Amino acid sequence: MEIALVALAAVALYVVFIYNGLVKSRNMAEEAWSGIDVQLKRRADLIPNLIETVKGYAGHEKSTLEEVVALRNKAQAVPSGDVAGRAAAEGLLGQALGRVVALAEAYPDLKANENFLELQRSLETVEGEIQMSRRYYNGAARDLNVKVESFPSNLVAGQFGFAKKPYFEIANEADRAVPTVKF
């Protein structure tokens, strides 16, 4: 009888240990997603200033500028917990932003504008932060997903409703392609 109680207590402690590990992993993934969300918000906040600066120099590129604004609004409308939807919307926004920044090559005055250069530097910094945040989130999601799928923690995860987290991935295959360099 005493051995059975000790064994039962050991199993109960083990379940608590697994449960706490799952809670920690889930919280790490949610905190990591929050980091991505903050960086995406910083990028979204830069866009109006970038658009206004470019408008003064490249007014006839109106469709490109309107596309960026529309994609920014679409990305911000995606619910915070929709990782896949947000990744897809932000991927499209990133492509459109790349086209706006590329406009500077066609407009030397814009390329030399201090405000545009500062916005471009800020955007590059934020893009780097987004990449770091994405790697951190994907690592936290991976750790949680391993625990949710691995035995015996999958038994505890299933009983307490823990679910896998989606990865924040590049949705456009063209963005994954290795660029061609010709000399």
C-alpha atoms as a PDB file:
ATOM      1  CA  MET A   1       0.000   0.000   0.000  1.00  0.00           C
ATOM      2  CA  GLU A   2       2.771   2.395   0.941  1.00  0.00           C
ATOM      3  CA  ILE A   3       4.682   1.612  -2.287  1.00  0.00           C
ATOM      4  CA  ALA A   4       1.546   2.313  -4.321  1.00  0.00           C
ATOM      5  CA  LEU A   5       1.139   5.716  -2.653  1.00  0.00           C
ATOM      6  CA  VAL A   6       4.785   6.579  -3.318  1.00  0.00           C
ATOM      7  CA  ALA A   7       4.424   5.489  -6.959  1.00  0.00           C
ATOM      8  CA  LEU A   8       1.201   7.502  -7.323  1.00  0.00           C
ATOM      9  CA  ALA A   9       2.873  10.567  -5.783  1.00  0.00           C
ATOM     10  CA  ALA A  10       5.843  10.170  -8.152  1.00  0.00           C
ATOM     11  CA  VAL A  11       3.520   9.964 -11.178  1.00  0.00           C
ATOM     12  CA  ALA A  12       1.570  13.004  -9.958  1.00  0.00           C
ATOM     13  CA  LEU A  13       4.796  15.000  -9.518  1.00  0.00           C
ATOM     14  CA  TYR A  14       5.947  13.934 -12.964  1.00  0.00           C
ATOM     15  CA  VAL A  15       2.636  15.113 -14.499  1.00  0.00           C
ATOM     16  CA  VAL A  16       2.991  18.443 -12.678  1.00  0.00           C
ATOM     17  CA  PHE A  17       6.567  18.747 -13.954  1.00  0.00           C
ATOM     18  CA  ILE A  18       5.460  18.070 -17.547  1.00  0.00           C
ATOM     19  CA  TYR A  19       2.478  20.423 -17.218  1.00  0.00           C
ATOM     20  CA  ASN A  20       4.681  23.248 -15.927  1.00  0.00           C
ATOM     21  CA  GLY A  21       7.115  22.690 -18.795  1.00  0.00           C
ATOM     22  CA  LEU A  22       4.263  22.926 -21.287  1.00  0.00           C
ATOM     23  CA  VAL A  23       2.980  26.129 -19.658  1.00  0.00           C
ATOM     24  CA  LYS A  24       6.469  27.625 -19.786  1.00  0.00           C
ATOM     25  CA  SER A  25       6.885  26.698 -23.451  1.00  0.00           C
ATOM     26  CA  ARG A  26       3.469  28.081 -24.373  1.00  0.00           C
ATOM     27  CA  ASN A  27       4.223  31.344 -22.562  1.00  0.00           C
ATOM     28  CA  MET A  28       7.607  31.604 -24.271  1.00  0.00           C
ATOM     29  CA  ALA A  29       5.936  31.194 -27.674  1.00  0.00           C
ATOM     30  CA  GLU A  30       3.285  33.789 -26.829  1.00  0.00           C
ATOM     31  CA  GLU A  31       5.915  36.217 -25.564  1.00  0.00           C
ATOM     32  CA  ALA A  32       7.945  35.639 -28.723  1.00  0.00           C
ATOM     33  CA  TRP A  33       4.882  36.327 -30.876  1.00  0.00           C
ATOM     34  CA  SER A  34       4.386  39.539 -28.937  1.00  0.00           C
ATOM     35  CA  GLY A  35       7.944  40.522 -29.919  1.00  0.00           C
ATOM     36  CA  ILE A  36       7.136  39.995 -33.592  1.00  0.00           C
ATOM     37  CA  ASP A  37       3.928  41.968 -33.190  1.00  0.00           C
ATOM     38  CA  VAL A  38       5.814  44.916 -31.684  1.00  0.00           C
ATOM     39  CA  GLN A  39       8.335  44.967 -34.540  1.00  0.00           C
ATOM     40  CA  LEU A  40       5.597  44.714 -37.163  1.00  0.00           C
ATOM     41  CA  LYS A  41       3.832  47.645 -35.486  1.00  0.00           C
ATOM     42  CA  ARG A  42       7.060  49.671 -35.582  1.00  0.00           C
ATOM     43  CA  ARG A  43       7.363  48.945 -39.306  1.00  0.00           C
ATOM     44  CA  ALA A  44       3.714  49.861 -39.892  1.00  0.00           C
ATOM     45  CA  ASP A  45       4.265  53.158 -38.065  1.00  0.00           C
ATOM     46  CA  LEU A  46       7.168  54.037 -40.395  1.00  0.00           C
ATOM     47  CA  ILE A  47       5.151  53.486 -43.555  1.00  0.00           C
ATOM     48  CA  PRO A  48       3.049  56.705 -43.553  1.00  0.00           C
ATOM     49  CA  ASN A  49       6.166  58.870 -43.217  1.00  0.00           C
ATOM     50  CA  LEU A  50       7.943  56.893 -45.929  1.00  0.00           C
ATOM     51  CA  ILE A  51       4.964  57.210 -48.269  1.00  0.00           C
ATOM     52  CA  GLU A  52       4.644  60.960 -47.685  1.00  0.00           C
ATOM     53  CA  THR A  53       8.349  61.481 -48.350  1.00  0.00           C
ATOM     54  CA  VAL A  54       8.253  59.450 -51.563  1.00  0.00           C
ATOM     55  CA  LYS A  55       5.027  61.158 -52.740  1.00  0.00           C
ATOM     56  CA  GLY A  56       6.828  64.461 -53.036  1.00  0.00           C
ATOM     57  CA  TYR A  57       9.370  63.023 -55.451  1.00  0.00           C
ATOM     58  CA  ALA A  58       7.515  60.238 -57.205  1.00  0.00           C
ATOM     59  CA  GLY A  59       3.939  61.433 -57.456  1.00  0.00           C
ATOM     60  CA  HIS A  60       3.256  59.445 -60.616  1.00  0.00           C
ATOM     61  CA  GLU A  61       4.101  56.215 -58.753  1.00  0.00           C
ATOM     62  CA  LYS A  62       0.736  56.600 -57.048  1.00  0.00           C
ATOM     63  CA  SER A  63      -0.390  52.994 -57.603  1.00  0.00           C
ATOM     64  CA  THR A  64       2.722  51.618 -55.868  1.00  0.00           C
ATOM     65  CA  LEU A  65       2.227  53.929 -52.912  1.00  0.00           C
ATOM     66  CA  GLU A  66      -1.484  53.133 -52.654  1.00  0.00           C
ATOM     67  CA  GLU A  67      -0.679  49.415 -52.753  1.00  0.00           C
ATOM     68  CA  VAL A  68       1.665  49.778 -49.779  1.00  0.00           C
ATOM     69  CA  VAL A  69      -0.964  51.648 -47.777  1.00  0.00           C
ATOM     70  CA  ALA A  70      -3.631  49.050 -48.647  1.00  0.00           C
ATOM     71  CA  LEU A  71      -1.314  46.163 -47.708  1.00  0.00           C
ATOM     72  CA  ARG A  72      -0.368  47.897 -44.440  1.00  0.00           C
ATOM     73  CA  ASN A  73      -4.044  48.244 -43.529  1.00  0.00           C
ATOM     74  CA  LYS A  74      -4.701  44.629 -44.511  1.00  0.00           C
ATOM     75  CA  ALA A  75      -1.785  43.398 -42.368  1.00  0.00           C
ATOM     76  CA  GLN A  76      -2.967  45.379 -39.369  1.00  0.00           C
ATOM     77  CA  ALA A  77      -6.489  43.983 -39.764  1.00  0.00           C
ATOM     78  CA  VAL A  78      -5.316  40.372 -39.352  1.00  0.00           C
ATOM     79  CA  PRO A  79      -6.198  39.111 -35.854  1.00  0.00           C
ATOM     80  CA  SER A  80      -3.193  38.999 -33.538  1.00  0.00           C
ATOM     81  CA  GLY A  81      -3.361  35.229 -32.996  1.00  0.00           C
ATOM     82  CA  ASP A  82      -3.500  34.375 -36.716  1.00  0.00           C
ATOM     83  CA  VAL A  83       0.197  33.674 -37.237  1.00  0.00           C
ATOM     84  CA  ALA A  84      -0.153  32.227 -40.752  1.00  0.00           C
ATOM     85  CA  GLY A  85      -2.463  35.022 -41.910  1.00  0.00           C
ATOM     86  CA  ARG A  86      -0.210  37.676 -40.448  1.00  0.00           C
ATOM     87  CA  ALA A  87       2.868  36.093 -42.027  1.00  0.00           C
ATOM     88  CA  ALA A  88       1.209  36.082 -45.454  1.00  0.00           C
ATOM     89  CA  ALA A  89      -0.003  39.684 -45.147  1.00  0.00           C
ATOM     90  CA  GLU A  90       3.355  40.918 -43.841  1.00  0.00           C
ATOM     91  CA  GLY A  91       5.180  39.077 -46.631  1.00  0.00           C
ATOM     92  CA  LEU A  92       3.146  40.941 -49.250  1.00  0.00           C
ATOM     93  CA  LEU A  93       3.718  44.209 -47.404  1.00  0.00           C
ATOM     94  CA  GLY A  94       7.467  43.568 -47.292  1.00  0.00           C
ATOM     95  CA  GLN A  95       7.553  43.012 -51.047  1.00  0.00           C
ATOM     96  CA  ALA A  96       5.640  46.235 -51.673  1.00  0.00           C
ATOM     97  CA  LEU A  97       7.951  48.164 -49.330  1.00  0.00           C
ATOM     98  CA  GLY A  98      10.908  46.827 -51.278  1.00  0.00           C
ATOM     99  CA  ARG A  99       9.415  48.326 -54.446  1.00  0.00           C
ATOM    100  CA  VAL A 100       8.979  51.708 -52.735  1.00  0.00           C
ATOM    101  CA  VAL A 101      12.571  51.733 -51.509  1.00  0.00           C
ATOM    102  CA  ALA A 102      13.709  50.723 -55.010  1.00  0.00           C
ATOM    103  CA  LEU A 103      12.024  53.869 -56.355  1.00  0.00           C
ATOM    104  CA  ALA A 104      14.900  55.850 -54.877  1.00  0.00           C
ATOM    105  CA  GLU A 105      17.144  54.533 -57.652  1.00  0.00           C
ATOM    106  CA  ALA A 106      14.934  56.226 -60.250  1.00  0.00           C
ATOM    107  CA  TYR A 107      14.783  59.534 -58.365  1.00  0.00           C
ATOM    108  CA  PRO A 108      18.224  60.902 -57.444  1.00  0.00           C
ATOM    109  CA  ASP A 109      16.718  63.777 -55.431  1.00  0.00           C
ATOM    110  CA  LEU A 110      14.749  61.287 -53.336  1.00  0.00           C
ATOM    111  CA  LYS A 111      17.835  59.144 -52.915  1.00  0.00           C
ATOM    112  CA  ALA A 112      19.660  62.171 -51.480  1.00  0.00           C
ATOM    113  CA  ASN A 113      16.779  63.331 -49.251  1.00  0.00           C
ATOM    114  CA  GLU A 114      17.874  63.127 -45.601  1.00  0.00           C
ATOM    115  CA  ASN A 115      14.380  62.318 -44.362  1.00  0.00           C
ATOM    116  CA  PHE A 116      14.093  59.442 -46.853  1.00  0.00           C
ATOM    117  CA  LEU A 117      17.549  58.159 -45.919  1.00  0.00           C
ATOM    118  CA  GLU A 118      16.669  58.211 -42.213  1.00  0.00           C
ATOM    119  CA  LEU A 119      13.391  56.412 -42.880  1.00  0.00           C
ATOM    120  CA  GLN A 120      15.231  53.864 -45.010  1.00  0.00           C
ATOM    121  CA  ARG A 121      17.768  53.259 -42.219  1.00  0.00           C
ATOM    122  CA  SER A 122      14.953  52.911 -39.677  1.00  0.00           C
ATOM    123  CA  LEU A 123      13.143  50.482 -41.938  1.00  0.00           C
ATOM    124  CA  GLU A 124      16.293  48.395 -42.382  1.00  0.00           C
ATOM    125  CA  THR A 125      16.770  48.313 -38.602  1.00  0.00           C
ATOM    126  CA  VAL A 126      13.171  47.236 -38.042  1.00  0.00           C
ATOM    127  CA  GLU A 127      13.442  44.568 -40.756  1.00  0.00           C
ATOM    128  CA  GLY A 128      16.487  43.156 -38.932  1.00  0.00           C
ATOM    129  CA  GLU A 129      14.554  43.183 -35.653  1.00  0.00           C
ATOM    130  CA  ILE A 130      11.636  41.406 -37.325  1.00  0.00           C
ATOM    131  CA  GLN A 131      14.006  38.692 -38.554  1.00  0.00           C
ATOM    132  CA  MET A 132      15.479  38.222 -35.078  1.00  0.00           C
ATOM    133  CA  SER A 133      12.013  38.171 -33.510  1.00  0.00           C
ATOM    134  CA  ARG A 134      10.825  35.669 -36.100  1.00  0.00           C
ATOM    135  CA  ARG A 135      13.731  33.342 -35.367  1.00  0.00           C
ATOM    136  CA  TYR A 136      13.067  33.607 -31.637  1.00  0.00           C
ATOM    137  CA  TYR A 137       9.350  32.939 -32.091  1.00  0.00           C
ATOM    138  CA  ASN A 138       9.948  29.992 -34.401  1.00  0.00           C
ATOM    139  CA  GLY A 139      12.383  28.513 -31.860  1.00  0.00           C
ATOM    140  CA  ALA A 140       9.864  28.919 -29.048  1.00  0.00           C
ATOM    141  CA  ALA A 141       7.107  27.435 -31.236  1.00  0.00           C
ATOM    142  CA  ARG A 142       9.399  24.519 -32.122  1.00  0.00           C
ATOM    143  CA  ASP A 143      10.126  23.814 -28.448  1.00  0.00           C
ATOM    144  CA  LEU A 144       6.422  23.842 -27.586  1.00  0.00           C
ATOM    145  CA  ASN A 145       5.538  21.703 -30.614  1.00  0.00           C
ATOM    146  CA  VAL A 146       8.151  19.105 -29.657  1.00  0.00           C
ATOM    147  CA  LYS A 147       6.681  18.870 -26.167  1.00  0.00           C
ATOM    148  CA  VAL A 148       3.117  18.675 -27.490  1.00  0.00           C
ATOM    149  CA  GLU A 149       4.050  15.842 -29.865  1.00  0.00           C
ATOM    150  CA  SER A 150       6.599  13.893 -27.774  1.00  0.00           C
ATOM    151  CA  PHE A 151       5.799  11.019 -25.450  1.00  0.00           C
ATOM    152  CA  PRO A 152       4.963  11.218 -22.546  1.00  0.00           C
ATOM    153  CA  SER A 153       4.368  14.973 -22.548  1.00  0.00           C
ATOM    154  CA  ASN A 154       1.865  14.552 -25.401  1.00  0.00           C
ATOM    155  CA  LEU A 155      -0.401  12.680 -22.978  1.00  0.00           C
ATOM    156  CA  VAL A 156      -0.423  15.620 -20.581  1.00  0.00           C
ATOM    157  CA  ALA A 157      -0.702  18.149 -23.430  1.00  0.00           C
ATOM    158  CA  GLY A 158      -3.730  16.383 -24.835  1.00  0.00           C
ATOM    159  CA  GLN A 159      -5.456  16.219 -21.456  1.00  0.00           C
ATOM    160  CA  PHE A 160      -4.953  19.930 -20.757  1.00  0.00           C
ATOM    161  CA  GLY A 161      -5.600  21.313 -24.247  1.00  0.00           C
ATOM    162  CA  PHE A 162      -2.102  22.345 -25.260  1.00  0.00           C
ATOM    163  CA  ALA A 163      -1.808  22.755 -29.031  1.00  0.00           C
ATOM    164  CA  LYS A 164       0.975  23.229 -31.526  1.00  0.00           C
ATOM    165  CA  LYS A 165       1.899  26.769 -32.567  1.00  0.00           C
ATOM    166  CA  PRO A 166       2.266  27.586 -36.264  1.00  0.00           C
ATOM    167  CA  TYR A 167       5.595  28.881 -37.528  1.00  0.00           C
ATOM    168  CA  PHE A 168       5.984  32.416 -38.854  1.00  0.00           C
ATOM    169  CA  GLU A 169       7.158  31.510 -42.336  1.00  0.00           C
ATOM    170  CA  ILE A 170       7.725  33.124 -45.683  1.00  0.00           C
ATOM    171  CA  ALA A 171       4.630  32.378 -47.721  1.00  0.00           C
ATOM    172  CA  ASN A 172       5.945  33.449 -51.127  1.00  0.00           C
ATOM    173  CA  GLU A 173       8.214  30.837 -52.723  1.00  0.00           C
ATOM    174  CA  ALA A 174       9.926  33.553 -54.769  1.00  0.00           C
ATOM    175  CA  ASP A 175      11.240  35.129 -51.537  1.00  0.00           C
ATOM    176  CA  ARG A 176      12.987  31.840 -50.694  1.00  0.00           C
ATOM    177  CA  ALA A 177      14.784  31.581 -54.005  1.00  0.00           C
ATOM    178  CA  VAL A 178      18.502  32.200 -54.078  1.00  0.00           C
ATOM    179  CA  PRO A 179      19.166  35.402 -56.038  1.00  0.00           C
ATOM    180  CA  THR A 180      21.064  35.100 -59.313  1.00  0.00           C
ATOM    181  CA  VAL A 181      24.285  37.074 -59.377  1.00  0.00           C
ATOM    182  CA  LYS A 182      25.888  37.849 -62.728  1.00  0.00           C
ATOM    183  CA  PHE A 183      29.193  39.611 -63.280  1.00  0.00           C
END
